Amino acid sequence: MMTFRHAVAALIVAALPALSQAAEPLYPDVTRAKADIDAALKQAAASKKRVIVDFGGNWCADCKVLDINLRKPENAALLQKHYVLVHVNVGEKGITDNLDVGERYGIPLKKGVPALAVLEANGKLVYSQKNGEFESMRKLDPKSVNDFLQQWSR
C-alpha cells in the first residue's frame, strides 16, 4: 500500500525530467550574435525575405512582451512570410555586450531594449529603431508590432 509520502515522492521523481529541461532562453549566448546574424542573412537570401534583428536580453520584461506579441497568430504569419528573425543578446544583467553589433545596424542600445533592425538579405540596413520605440513594450498597444511588421515587409 502506497502512503501519501510515497505518492508525493513518486510524483516528484516523475516530474524531475520535465523540471530539469528548462525552456531555451529567448536570447542566446552573447558570443553567438555575429554568427547568428550571418546564418539569418543566408536563410533570408535563400527564401527572399528580410531579416529582423531583435536586440534584447533574457532579463528584459519588455523583450518578453515583444516576443509574446510576435507569436500572436497575425504577427507570426507576417514573420513567417516576410522575415527571418534573429535574437541578439545584449548582456546577461544589462546592456553590456554586442554594442558594436547594435552600432553597425544603427541601434543606440543605451536608449533601451528591445530594439529592432530590419535588413535586406544582403545585409543592407533598411530600418533601425533609434529612439527606443519598443523599449516600453508593456505600455504599448500590441498592434504596434503588427504595424511594424507590415510597414517593413515587402
Protein backbone atom coordinates (compact mmCIF):
# COMPACT_ATOMS: atom_id res chain seq x y z
CA MET A 1 0.00 0.00 0.00
CA MET A 2 1.41 3.39 -1.01
CA THR A 3 1.48 6.04 1.68
CA PHE A 4 0.87 9.72 0.99
CA ARG A 5 4.58 10.39 1.43
CA HIS A 6 5.47 7.71 -1.12
CA ALA A 7 2.91 9.09 -3.58
CA VAL A 8 4.36 12.60 -3.29
CA ALA A 9 7.89 11.25 -3.71
CA ALA A 10 6.81 9.31 -6.80
CA LEU A 11 5.23 12.46 -8.29
CA ILE A 12 8.38 14.48 -7.67
CA VAL A 13 10.59 11.81 -9.23
CA ALA A 14 8.28 11.61 -12.25
CA ALA A 15 8.35 15.41 -12.67
CA LEU A 16 12.13 15.80 -12.40
CA PRO A 17 12.90 15.29 -16.12
CA ALA A 18 10.40 17.98 -17.09
CA LEU A 19 11.67 20.37 -14.42
CA SER A 20 15.29 19.90 -15.43
CA GLN A 21 14.55 20.74 -19.07
CA ALA A 22 14.09 24.47 -18.64
CA ALA A 23 12.86 26.41 -21.64
CA GLU A 24 15.52 27.61 -24.02
CA PRO A 25 16.28 31.27 -23.29
CA LEU A 26 14.88 33.75 -25.80
CA TYR A 27 18.25 35.43 -26.32
CA PRO A 28 21.19 33.08 -26.95
CA ASP A 29 24.69 33.45 -25.54
CA VAL A 30 26.18 36.88 -26.28
CA THR A 31 29.00 35.30 -28.29
CA ARG A 32 26.61 34.00 -30.96
CA ALA A 33 25.41 37.37 -32.32
CA LYS A 34 27.55 37.70 -35.44
CA ALA A 35 27.29 34.03 -36.45
CA ASP A 36 23.52 34.02 -35.87
CA ILE A 37 23.08 37.17 -37.99
CA ASP A 38 25.21 35.65 -40.77
CA ALA A 39 23.09 32.48 -40.68
CA ALA A 40 19.87 34.54 -40.76
CA LEU A 41 21.14 36.51 -43.77
CA LYS A 42 21.89 33.28 -45.65
CA GLN A 43 18.46 31.91 -44.78
CA ALA A 44 16.83 35.20 -45.88
CA ALA A 45 18.70 35.16 -49.20
CA ALA A 46 17.56 31.62 -49.90
CA SER A 47 13.94 32.44 -49.05
CA LYS A 48 13.82 36.01 -50.46
CA LYS A 49 12.96 37.51 -47.08
CA ARG A 50 14.24 40.31 -44.90
CA VAL A 51 15.94 39.84 -41.54
CA ILE A 52 14.71 41.33 -38.28
CA VAL A 53 17.47 41.62 -35.70
CA ASP A 54 15.92 41.77 -32.23
CA PHE A 55 18.34 43.24 -29.67
CA GLY A 56 17.42 42.40 -26.08
CA GLY A 57 18.15 40.33 -23.01
CA ASN A 58 16.60 37.49 -21.07
CA TRP A 59 16.28 39.81 -18.03
CA CYS A 60 14.19 42.30 -20.05
CA ALA A 61 10.44 42.18 -19.37
CA ASP A 62 9.65 44.38 -22.38
CA CYS A 63 11.64 41.98 -24.59
CA LYS A 64 9.46 39.12 -23.36
CA VAL A 65 6.31 41.14 -24.08
CA LEU A 66 7.58 41.83 -27.60
CA ASP A 67 8.16 38.10 -28.07
CA ILE A 68 4.61 37.34 -26.88
CA ASN A 69 3.29 39.87 -29.39
CA LEU A 70 5.43 38.43 -32.20
CA ARG A 71 3.92 34.99 -31.50
CA LYS A 72 0.32 36.19 -31.89
CA PRO A 73 -1.18 34.49 -34.96
CA GLU A 74 -1.49 37.64 -37.08
CA ASN A 75 2.14 38.58 -36.36
CA ALA A 76 3.54 35.07 -36.59
CA ALA A 77 2.03 34.78 -40.08
CA LEU A 78 3.70 38.03 -41.20
CA LEU A 79 7.01 36.98 -39.67
CA GLN A 80 6.93 33.60 -41.38
CA LYS A 81 6.01 35.07 -44.76
CA HIS A 82 8.37 38.06 -44.88
CA TYR A 83 11.17 37.73 -42.33
CA VAL A 84 13.88 35.70 -40.69
CA LEU A 85 14.04 36.67 -37.00
CA VAL A 86 17.34 36.62 -35.12
CA HIS A 87 17.78 37.46 -31.44
CA VAL A 88 20.92 39.26 -30.28
CA ASN A 89 21.68 39.14 -26.56
CA VAL A 90 22.96 42.49 -25.27
CA GLY A 91 24.12 41.12 -21.93
CA GLU A 92 23.18 38.83 -19.09
CA LYS A 93 22.43 41.54 -16.49
CA GLY A 94 22.05 44.70 -18.53
CA ILE A 95 23.23 46.26 -21.77
CA THR A 96 26.91 45.32 -21.69
CA ASP A 97 27.57 43.25 -24.81
CA ASN A 98 27.22 43.44 -28.59
CA LEU A 99 27.29 47.24 -28.54
CA ASP A 100 29.34 47.10 -31.75
CA VAL A 101 26.67 44.97 -33.43
CA GLY A 102 23.99 47.43 -32.39
CA GLU A 103 26.10 50.29 -33.70
CA ARG A 104 26.66 48.51 -37.03
CA TYR A 105 22.89 48.41 -37.53
CA GLY A 106 22.13 51.89 -36.22
CA ILE A 107 20.70 50.79 -32.88
CA PRO A 108 21.72 53.05 -29.95
CA LEU A 109 21.41 50.31 -27.32
CA LYS A 110 21.80 52.74 -24.43
CA LYS A 111 18.30 54.01 -25.29
CA GLY A 112 16.91 50.65 -24.24
CA VAL A 113 15.75 47.29 -25.49
CA PRO A 114 14.05 45.65 -27.17
CA ALA A 115 15.20 47.37 -30.33
CA LEU A 116 14.75 46.10 -33.86
CA ALA A 117 16.70 46.47 -37.07
CA VAL A 118 15.42 45.36 -40.47
CA LEU A 119 17.97 44.16 -43.02
CA GLU A 120 17.86 43.10 -46.63
CA ALA A 121 19.15 39.58 -47.24
CA ASN A 122 22.44 41.11 -48.44
CA GLY A 123 22.91 42.76 -45.03
CA LYS A 124 21.95 46.28 -46.13
CA LEU A 125 20.16 48.17 -43.37
CA VAL A 126 16.56 49.02 -44.25
CA TYR A 127 15.46 50.48 -40.90
CA SER A 128 16.57 50.65 -37.28
CA GLN A 129 14.78 51.83 -34.17
CA LYS A 130 16.87 54.76 -32.99
CA ASN A 131 14.66 56.15 -30.23
CA GLY A 132 13.78 53.17 -28.04
CA GLU A 133 10.43 52.77 -29.82
CA PHE A 134 9.68 49.37 -28.24
CA GLU A 135 11.66 49.98 -25.03
CA SER A 136 8.34 50.33 -23.12
CA MET A 137 6.61 47.47 -24.94
CA ARG A 138 4.48 46.67 -21.87
CA LYS A 139 2.77 50.06 -22.21
CA LEU A 140 2.35 50.00 -25.99
CA ASP A 141 -0.62 48.83 -27.98
CA PRO A 142 0.18 45.27 -29.16
CA LYS A 143 -0.99 46.39 -32.62
CA SER A 144 2.23 48.44 -32.85
CA VAL A 145 4.10 45.18 -33.51
CA ASN A 146 1.77 44.29 -36.37
CA ASP A 147 2.10 47.81 -37.77
CA PHE A 148 5.89 47.48 -37.65
CA LEU A 149 5.87 44.11 -39.42
CA GLN A 150 3.52 45.34 -42.11
CA GLN A 151 5.46 48.55 -42.67
CA TRP A 152 8.77 46.80 -43.35
CA SER A 153 7.52 43.74 -45.23
CA ARG A 154 7.79 43.72 -48.99
